[in-house]
C-alpha atoms as a PDB file:
ATOM      1  CA  UNK A   1      -0.308   0.047  -0.046  1.00  0.00           C
ATOM      2  CA  UNK A   2       2.798   2.410   0.907  1.00  0.00           C
ATOM      3  CA  UNK A   3       4.651   1.617  -2.149  1.00  0.00           C
ATOM      4  CA  UNK A   4       1.345   1.758  -4.236  1.00  0.00           C
ATOM      5  CA  UNK A   5       0.577   5.432  -2.677  1.00  0.00           C
ATOM      6  CA  UNK A   6       4.561   6.869  -3.288  1.00  0.00           C
ATOM      7  CA  UNK A   7       3.277   6.112  -6.835  1.00  0.00           C
ATOM      8  CA  UNK A   8       0.282   7.707  -6.994  1.00  0.00           C
ATOM      9  CA  UNK A   9       1.891  11.163  -6.109  1.00  0.00           C
ATOM     10  CA  UNK A  10       4.991  10.740  -7.895  1.00  0.00           C
ATOM     11  CA  UNK A  11       2.082  10.413 -10.430  1.00  0.00           C
ATOM     12  CA  UNK A  12       0.237  13.424  -9.261  1.00  0.00           C
ATOM     13  CA  UNK A  13       3.186  15.622  -9.511  1.00  0.00           C
ATOM     14  CA  UNK A  14       3.577  15.004 -12.919  1.00  0.00           C
ATOM     15  CA  UNK A  15       0.584  15.966 -13.764  1.00  0.00           C
ATOM     16  CA  UNK A  16       0.436  18.541 -12.195  1.00  0.00           C
ATOM     17  CA  UNK A  17       4.391  20.082 -13.273  1.00  0.00           C
ATOM     18  CA  UNK A  18       2.243  19.158 -16.996  1.00  0.00           C
ATOM     19  CA  UNK A  19      -0.520  20.692 -16.069  1.00  0.00           C
ATOM     20  CA  UNK A  20       1.930  24.677 -14.844  1.00  0.00           C
ATOM     21  CA  UNK A  21       4.131  24.255 -17.612  1.00  0.00           C
ATOM     22  CA  UNK A  22       0.853  23.459 -20.891  1.00  0.00           C
ATOM     23  CA  UNK A  23      -0.315  27.077 -21.354  1.00  0.00           C
ATOM     24  CA  UNK A  24      -3.959  27.611 -19.875  1.00  0.00           C
ATOM     25  CA  UNK A  25      -6.898  26.682 -22.196  1.00  0.00           C
ATOM     26  CA  UNK A  26      -8.206  30.798 -21.320  1.00  0.00           C
ATOM     27  CA  UNK A  27      -5.027  32.128 -22.703  1.00  0.00           C
ATOM     28  CA  UNK A  28      -5.654  34.468 -24.652  1.00  0.00           C
ATOM     29  CA  UNK A  29      -2.794  34.546 -27.993  1.00  0.00           C
ATOM     30  CA  UNK A  30      -2.210  37.629 -29.745  1.00  0.00           C
ATOM     31  CA  UNK A  31      -4.695  38.487 -32.085  1.00  0.00           C
ATOM     32  CA  UNK A  32      -4.414  40.177 -35.785  1.00  0.00           C
ATOM     33  CA  UNK A  33      -5.774  43.701 -36.478  1.00  0.00           C
ATOM     34  CA  UNK A  34      -5.805  45.834 -39.575  1.00  0.00           C
ATOM     35  CA  UNK A  35      -5.329  49.511 -39.958  1.00  0.00           C
ATOM     36  CA  UNK A  36      -7.827  51.654 -40.894  1.00  0.00           C
ATOM     37  CA  UNK A  37      -7.372  53.717 -42.958  1.00  0.00           C
ATOM     38  CA  UNK A  38     -10.214  56.059 -43.149  1.00  0.00           C
ATOM     39  CA  UNK A  39     -10.300  56.076 -39.345  1.00  0.00           C
ATOM     40  CA  UNK A  40      -5.697  56.137 -39.143  1.00  0.00           C
ATOM     41  CA  UNK A  41      -3.582  59.704 -39.753  1.00  0.00           C
ATOM     42  CA  UNK A  42      -0.186  61.390 -38.618  1.00  0.00           C
ATOM     43  CA  UNK A  43      -0.226  64.197 -37.850  1.00  0.00           C
ATOM     44  CA  UNK A  44       3.070  66.525 -38.023  1.00  0.00           C
ATOM     45  CA  UNK A  45       4.307  69.780 -36.490  1.00  0.00           C
ATOM     46  CA  UNK A  46       7.497  71.485 -37.837  1.00  0.00           C
ATOM     47  CA  UNK A  47       8.710  75.431 -36.927  1.00  0.00           C
ATOM     48  CA  UNK A  48       8.515  77.754 -39.580  1.00  0.00           C
ATOM     49  CA  UNK A  49      11.170  80.794 -39.257  1.00  0.00           C
ATOM     50  CA  UNK A  50      10.608  80.456 -35.674  1.00  0.00           C
ATOM     51  CA  UNK A  51       7.532  82.520 -36.564  1.00  0.00           C
ATOM     52  CA  UNK A  52       4.645  79.248 -36.258  1.00  0.00           C
ATOM     53  CA  UNK A  53       4.691  75.682 -35.986  1.00  0.00           C
ATOM     54  CA  UNK A  54       3.275  74.433 -40.004  1.00  0.00           C
ATOM     55  CA  UNK A  55       0.842  71.858 -39.105  1.00  0.00           C
ATOM     56  CA  UNK A  56       0.145  69.147 -41.353  1.00  0.00           C
ATOM     57  CA  UNK A  57      -1.490  65.324 -41.996  1.00  0.00           C
ATOM     58  CA  UNK A  58      -1.240  62.471 -43.740  1.00  0.00           C
ATOM     59  CA  UNK A  59      -3.748  60.451 -43.994  1.00  0.00           C
ATOM     60  CA  UNK A  60      -4.563  56.313 -46.022  1.00  0.00           C
ATOM     61  CA  UNK A  61      -2.071  54.867 -43.800  1.00  0.00           C
ATOM     62  CA  UNK A  62      -2.308  50.584 -43.573  1.00  0.00           C
ATOM     63  CA  UNK A  63      -0.758  47.985 -41.978  1.00  0.00           C
ATOM     64  CA  UNK A  64      -1.340  45.324 -39.227  1.00  0.00           C
ATOM     65  CA  UNK A  65      -0.893  44.962 -35.742  1.00  0.00           C
ATOM     66  CA  UNK A  66      -0.734  41.784 -33.569  1.00  0.00           C
ATOM     67  CA  UNK A  67      -1.789  42.768 -30.146  1.00  0.00           C
ATOM     68  CA  UNK A  68      -2.813  41.367 -26.825  1.00  0.00           C
ATOM     69  CA  UNK A  69      -4.062  43.551 -24.351  1.00  0.00           C
ATOM     70  CA  UNK A  70      -2.729  41.475 -21.254  1.00  0.00           C
ATOM     71  CA  UNK A  71       0.712  40.710 -23.107  1.00  0.00           C
ATOM     72  CA  UNK A  72       1.706  44.420 -24.495  1.00  0.00           C
ATOM     73  CA  UNK A  73       4.938  42.420 -24.849  1.00  0.00           C
ATOM     74  CA  UNK A  74       3.874  40.568 -27.528  1.00  0.00           C
ATOM     75  CA  UNK A  75       2.342  43.313 -29.387  1.00  0.00           C
ATOM     76  CA  UNK A  76       4.252  43.791 -33.290  1.00  0.00           C
ATOM     77  CA  UNK A  77       2.994  46.981 -35.577  1.00  0.00           C
ATOM     78  CA  UNK A  78       3.999  47.186 -39.725  1.00  0.00           C
ATOM     79  CA  UNK A  79       2.625  50.711 -40.521  1.00  0.00           C
ATOM     80  CA  UNK A  80       2.545  51.789 -44.506  1.00  0.00           C
ATOM     81  CA  UNK A  81       2.133  55.645 -44.266  1.00  0.00           C
ATOM     82  CA  UNK A  82       1.792  57.364 -47.874  1.00  0.00           C
ATOM     83  CA  UNK A  83       2.796  60.326 -48.508  1.00  0.00           C
ATOM     84  CA  UNK A  84       1.415  61.674 -51.323  1.00  0.00           C
ATOM     85  CA  UNK A  85      -1.388  62.423 -49.351  1.00  0.00           C
ATOM     86  CA  UNK A  86       0.507  64.723 -47.349  1.00  0.00           C
ATOM     87  CA  UNK A  87      -1.609  67.936 -46.751  1.00  0.00           C
ATOM     88  CA  UNK A  88      -0.333  70.895 -45.157  1.00  0.00           C
ATOM     89  CA  UNK A  89      -3.563  73.007 -46.131  1.00  0.00           C
ATOM     90  CA  UNK A  90      -2.132  74.850 -49.304  1.00  0.00           C
ATOM     91  CA  UNK A  91      -1.410  73.273 -52.638  1.00  0.00           C
ATOM     92  CA  UNK A  92       2.211  74.582 -53.137  1.00  0.00           C
ATOM     93  CA  UNK A  93       3.075  73.425 -49.940  1.00  0.00           C
ATOM     94  CA  UNK A  94       2.054  70.195 -50.478  1.00  0.00           C
ATOM     95  CA  UNK A  95       4.302  70.048 -53.858  1.00  0.00           C
ATOM     96  CA  UNK A  96       7.277  71.403 -52.503  1.00  0.00           C
ATOM     97  CA  UNK A  97       7.335  69.188 -49.363  1.00  0.00           C
ATOM     98  CA  UNK A  98       7.482  65.960 -51.373  1.00  0.00           C
ATOM     99  CA  UNK A  99      10.157  68.250 -53.834  1.00  0.00           C
ATOM    100  CA  UNK A 100      13.533  66.585 -54.548  1.00  0.00           C
ATOM    101  CA  UNK A 101      15.342  68.577 -52.065  1.00  0.00           C
ATOM    102  CA  UNK A 102      12.721  67.556 -48.762  1.00  0.00           C
ATOM    103  CA  UNK A 103      10.784  64.724 -48.643  1.00  0.00           C
ATOM    104  CA  UNK A 104      11.179  63.610 -52.021  1.00  0.00           C
ATOM    105  CA  UNK A 105       7.834  62.356 -52.865  1.00  0.00           C
ATOM    106  CA  UNK A 106       8.327  61.260 -56.340  1.00  0.00           C
ATOM    107  CA  UNK A 107      11.384  58.775 -55.291  1.00  0.00           C
ATOM    108  CA  UNK A 108       9.651  57.292 -51.685  1.00  0.00           C
ATOM    109  CA  UNK A 109       6.216  57.236 -52.081  1.00  0.00           C
ATOM    110  CA  UNK A 110       5.709  55.843 -48.622  1.00  0.00           C
ATOM    111  CA  UNK A 111       7.362  56.068 -44.706  1.00  0.00           C
ATOM    112  CA  UNK A 112       7.322  53.142 -42.972  1.00  0.00           C
ATOM    113  CA  UNK A 113       7.585  52.289 -39.364  1.00  0.00           C
ATOM    114  CA  UNK A 114       8.130  48.035 -37.683  1.00  0.00           C
ATOM    115  CA  UNK A 115       7.780  47.338 -34.263  1.00  0.00           C
ATOM    116  CA  UNK A 116      10.924  46.157 -32.464  1.00  0.00           C
ATOM    117  CA  UNK A 117      10.069  45.875 -29.205  1.00  0.00           C
ATOM    118  CA  UNK A 118       6.878  47.250 -27.380  1.00  0.00           C
ATOM    119  CA  UNK A 119       7.640  47.797 -23.160  1.00  0.00           C
ATOM    120  CA  UNK A 120       4.449  48.431 -21.198  1.00  0.00           C
ATOM    121  CA  UNK A 121       4.060  51.542 -19.218  1.00  0.00           C
ATOM    122  CA  UNK A 122       1.371  52.004 -17.090  1.00  0.00           C
ATOM    123  CA  UNK A 123      -1.991  50.552 -18.111  1.00  0.00           C
ATOM    124  CA  UNK A 124      -2.841  50.919 -21.216  1.00  0.00           C
ATOM    125  CA  UNK A 125       0.114  52.450 -22.210  1.00  0.00           C
ATOM    126  CA  UNK A 126       3.267  51.579 -23.845  1.00  0.00           C
ATOM    127  CA  UNK A 127       6.378  52.641 -25.632  1.00  0.00           C
ATOM    128  CA  UNK A 128       6.921  51.619 -28.709  1.00  0.00           C
ATOM    129  CA  UNK A 129      10.286  51.130 -31.086  1.00  0.00           C
ATOM    130  CA  UNK A 130      11.264  50.068 -34.034  1.00  0.00           C
ATOM    131  CA  UNK A 131      12.485  51.598 -37.201  1.00  0.00           C
ATOM    132  CA  UNK A 132      10.787  53.915 -39.228  1.00  0.00           C
ATOM    133  CA  UNK A 133      11.777  54.095 -42.873  1.00  0.00           C
ATOM    134  CA  UNK A 134      11.754  57.779 -44.416  1.00  0.00           C
ATOM    135  CA  UNK A 135      12.504  58.778 -47.264  1.00  0.00           C
ATOM    136  CA  UNK A 136      14.573  55.814 -47.976  1.00  0.00           C
ATOM    137  CA  UNK A 137      16.724  55.836 -44.549  1.00  0.00           C
ATOM    138  CA  UNK A 138      15.400  53.671 -41.740  1.00  0.00           C
ATOM    139  CA  UNK A 139      16.268  54.996 -38.274  1.00  0.00           C
ATOM    140  CA  UNK A 140      14.954  53.964 -34.840  1.00  0.00           C
ATOM    141  CA  UNK A 141      12.298  55.670 -33.361  1.00  0.00           C
ATOM    142  CA  UNK A 142      10.298  55.109 -30.272  1.00  0.00           C
ATOM    143  CA  UNK A 143       7.027  56.317 -29.671  1.00  0.00           C
ATOM    144  CA  UNK A 144       4.401  56.422 -26.487  1.00  0.00           C
ATOM    145  CA  UNK A 145       1.235  55.029 -27.258  1.00  0.00           C
ATOM    146  CA  UNK A 146      -2.117  55.068 -25.108  1.00  0.00           C
ATOM    147  CA  UNK A 147      -4.922  52.625 -25.818  1.00  0.00           C
ATOM    148  CA  UNK A 148      -8.115  55.191 -26.529  1.00  0.00           C
ATOM    149  CA  UNK A 149     -10.388  51.401 -26.105  1.00  0.00           C
ATOM    150  CA  UNK A 150     -11.019  47.519 -27.630  1.00  0.00           C
ATOM    151  CA  UNK A 151     -14.022  46.835 -27.924  1.00  0.00           C
ATOM    152  CA  UNK A 152     -16.772  45.587 -30.705  1.00  0.00           C
ATOM    153  CA  UNK A 153     -17.338  48.858 -33.172  1.00  0.00           C
ATOM    154  CA  UNK A 154     -20.914  50.334 -32.562  1.00  0.00           C
ATOM    155  CA  UNK A 155     -21.602  51.209 -36.244  1.00  0.00           C
ATOM    156  CA  UNK A 156     -21.820  47.882 -38.959  1.00  0.00           C
ATOM    157  CA  UNK A 157     -20.167  45.382 -39.489  1.00  0.00           C
ATOM    158  CA  UNK A 158     -19.689  45.565 -35.524  1.00  0.00           C
ATOM    159  CA  UNK A 159     -16.167  44.121 -35.919  1.00  0.00           C
ATOM    160  CA  UNK A 160     -13.719  44.331 -32.638  1.00  0.00           C
ATOM    161  CA  UNK A 161     -12.015  47.231 -32.685  1.00  0.00           C
ATOM    162  CA  UNK A 162      -8.698  48.407 -30.880  1.00  0.00           C
ATOM    163  CA  UNK A 163      -7.724  52.992 -30.621  1.00  0.00           C
ATOM    164  CA  UNK A 164      -4.720  54.530 -30.225  1.00  0.00           C
ATOM    165  CA  UNK A 165      -2.728  57.273 -29.636  1.00  0.00           C
ATOM    166  CA  UNK A 166       0.621  57.863 -30.068  1.00  0.00           C
ATOM    167  CA  UNK A 167       3.189  60.458 -29.861  1.00  0.00           C
ATOM    168  CA  UNK A 168       7.124  61.029 -31.170  1.00  0.00           C
ATOM    169  CA  UNK A 169       9.825  63.174 -31.904  1.00  0.00           C
ATOM    170  CA  UNK A 170      12.336  62.833 -34.689  1.00  0.00           C
ATOM    171  CA  UNK A 171      15.144  64.718 -36.322  1.00  0.00           C
ATOM    172  CA  UNK A 172      13.990  65.682 -40.626  1.00  0.00           C
ATOM    173  CA  UNK A 173      18.767  65.409 -40.648  1.00  0.00           C
ATOM    174  CA  UNK A 174      18.159  62.023 -39.658  1.00  0.00           C
ATOM    175  CA  UNK A 175      16.445  61.631 -43.009  1.00  0.00           C
ATOM    176  CA  UNK A 176      18.863  63.465 -45.251  1.00  0.00           C
ATOM    177  CA  UNK A 177      15.603  66.439 -45.235  1.00  0.00           C
ATOM    178  CA  UNK A 178      18.485  69.117 -44.737  1.00  0.00           C
ATOM    179  CA  UNK A 179      17.319  71.287 -46.937  1.00  0.00           C
ATOM    180  CA  UNK A 180      15.764  75.060 -45.881  1.00  0.00           C
ATOM    181  CA  UNK A 181      17.474  74.705 -42.710  1.00  0.00           C
ATOM    182  CA  UNK A 182      17.098  78.537 -42.044  1.00  0.00           C
ATOM    183  CA  UNK A 183      13.767  78.240 -42.437  1.00  0.00           C
ATOM    184  CA  UNK A 184      12.378  74.789 -41.397  1.00  0.00           C
ATOM    185  CA  UNK A 185      12.829  73.654 -38.536  1.00  0.00           C
ATOM    186  CA  UNK A 186      14.990  70.260 -36.511  1.00  0.00           C
ATOM    187  CA  UNK A 187      12.494  68.516 -34.985  1.00  0.00           C
ATOM    188  CA  UNK A 188       9.619  66.895 -36.406  1.00  0.00           C
ATOM    189  CA  UNK A 189       6.738  66.032 -33.926  1.00  0.00           C
ATOM    190  CA  UNK A 190       4.519  63.382 -34.363  1.00  0.00           C
ATOM    191  CA  UNK A 191       0.981  62.937 -33.528  1.00  0.00           C
ATOM    192  CA  UNK A 192      -0.805  59.632 -34.435  1.00  0.00           C
ATOM    193  CA  UNK A 193      -4.722  58.420 -33.704  1.00  0.00           C
ATOM    194  CA  UNK A 194      -5.124  55.195 -35.501  1.00  0.00           C
ATOM    195  CA  UNK A 195      -7.864  52.653 -35.568  1.00  0.00           C
ATOM    196  CA  UNK A 196      -7.173  48.490 -35.917  1.00  0.00           C
ATOM    197  CA  UNK A 197     -10.133  46.227 -36.864  1.00  0.00           C
ATOM    198  CA  UNK A 198      -9.828  42.616 -35.846  1.00  0.00           C
ATOM    199  CA  UNK A 199      -9.031  40.546 -39.008  1.00  0.00           C
ATOM    200  CA  UNK A 200      -8.103  41.039 -42.742  1.00  0.00           C
ATOM    201  CA  UNK A 201      -8.704  44.525 -44.526  1.00  0.00           C
ATOM    202  CA  UNK A 202     -12.306  45.130 -45.735  1.00  0.00           C
ATOM    203  CA  UNK A 203     -11.334  44.771 -49.537  1.00  0.00           C
ATOM    204  CA  UNK A 204      -8.677  45.895 -52.049  1.00  0.00           C
ATOM    205  CA  UNK A 205     -11.061  48.460 -53.022  1.00  0.00           C
ATOM    206  CA  UNK A 206     -11.638  50.805 -50.468  1.00  0.00           C
ATOM    207  CA  UNK A 207      -7.121  50.693 -49.866  1.00  0.00           C
ATOM    208  CA  UNK A 208      -7.255  52.026 -53.427  1.00  0.00           C
ATOM    209  CA  UNK A 209      -9.349  54.462 -52.385  1.00  0.00           C
ATOM    210  CA  UNK A 210      -7.676  55.535 -49.241  1.00  0.00           C
ATOM    211  CA  UNK A 211      -4.642  55.714 -50.862  1.00  0.00           C
ATOM    212  CA  UNK A 212      -5.700  57.477 -54.042  1.00  0.00           C
ATOM    213  CA  UNK A 213      -4.843  61.314 -53.313  1.00  0.00           C
ATOM    214  CA  UNK A 214      -7.724  63.677 -52.705  1.00  0.00           C
ATOM    215  CA  UNK A 215     -10.151  64.832 -55.244  1.00  0.00           C
ATOM    216  CA  UNK A 216     -11.534  68.661 -54.984  1.00  0.00           C
ATOM    217  CA  UNK A 217     -14.824  69.049 -55.116  1.00  0.00           C
ATOM    218  CA  UNK A 218     -16.081  71.610 -57.881  1.00  0.00           C
ATOM    219  CA  UNK A 219     -16.832  75.257 -55.814  1.00  0.00           C
ATOM    220  CA  UNK A 220     -19.851  77.023 -58.388  1.00  0.00           C
ATOM    221  CA  UNK A 221     -19.141  80.228 -59.245  1.00  0.00           C
ATOM    222  CA  UNK A 222     -21.532  82.707 -58.284  1.00  0.00           C
ATOM    223  CA  UNK A 223     -23.498  85.110 -60.235  1.00  0.00           C
ATOM    224  CA  UNK A 224     -22.020  88.012 -60.226  1.00  0.00           C
ATOM    225  CA  UNK A 225     -24.013  90.817 -58.472  1.00  0.00           C
ATOM    226  CA  UNK A 226     -26.092  93.685 -59.824  1.00  0.00           C
ATOM    227  CA  UNK A 227     -23.715  96.984 -60.283  1.00  0.00           C
ATOM    228  CA  UNK A 228     -23.480 100.085 -62.192  1.00  0.00           C
ATOM    229  CA  UNK A 229     -20.625 100.221 -63.094  1.00  0.00           C
ATOM    230  CA  UNK A 230     -19.214  98.709 -66.679  1.00  0.00           C
ATOM    231  CA  UNK A 231     -17.963  94.943 -66.376  1.00  0.00           C
ATOM    232  CA  UNK A 232     -14.181  94.176 -66.417  1.00  0.00           C
ATOM    233  CA  UNK A 233     -12.056  94.479 -69.509  1.00  0.00           C
ATOM    234  CA  UNK A 234     -11.548  90.833 -70.454  1.00  0.00           C
ATOM    235  CA  UNK A 235      -7.790  91.375 -70.640  1.00  0.00           C
ATOM    236  CA  UNK A 236      -7.943  92.392 -67.081  1.00  0.00           C
ATOM    237  CA  UNK A 237      -5.458  89.921 -65.131  1.00  0.00           C
ATOM    238  CA  UNK A 238      -5.911  89.799 -61.923  1.00  0.00           C
ATOM    239  CA  UNK A 239      -2.783  89.538 -59.252  1.00  0.00           C
ATOM    240  CA  UNK A 240      -1.672  86.668 -58.398  1.00  0.00           C
ATOM    241  CA  UNK A 241      -1.340  86.046 -54.797  1.00  0.00           C
ATOM    242  CA  UNK A 242       2.026  86.771 -53.401  1.00  0.00           C
ATOM    243  CA  UNK A 243       2.866  83.185 -51.321  1.00  0.00           C
ATOM    244  CA  UNK A 244       6.360  82.390 -49.343  1.00  0.00           C
ATOM    245  CA  UNK A 245       9.393  81.566 -51.730  1.00  0.00           C
ATOM    246  CA  UNK A 246       9.182  78.950 -49.435  1.00  0.00           C
ATOM    247  CA  UNK A 247       7.438  76.759 -47.026  1.00  0.00           C
END
């Protein structure tokens, strides 16, 4: 009997050890999310000759997020940003920013961020570090990230959605963007608002539309107001607005 009890105790110990070593059936595996390009936007701020901080945005980012709220360290992020969608609120500024001496958008139409490490920094907060490739140059970049919500979206198709806010600062000269030092600041502040839905993206058509340049809606021409003065000569040319020679 004593021998049988010893065998039973050994077997019980083996079972307990195996149970401890095996992952729990209730443990959640990281889930894969796809960035929503409509509700993901990168905002940047950079000094304009010390007078103000020029503000711009880039919309239409795509990518994937592997995420488990209970294990931030397992998270992985891979994002592509379409630089052609940069918007500073003025067509000439946009074109100047994408010119060869600055972002060189024709040769480098995309920026990309791929995470290397994710360190929890409190409740629903983390420091996400990885490689940012911009203008063909890759440099390390760390972002402070806040998880705003992780829940079923209230609107159709009711997919589980994760929403994040993030901030970071980079040096544009680190990426070979050195033109107009006297006018454009070197430090670029980033703010990112992102939403990601569980599962694959919702179709190529949505992604293609999100990465196309925005099309301005036609503005109707108002009817001329009644006046007693003679109409302007057809040869008259209105003066063009005076803009800064550089952004």
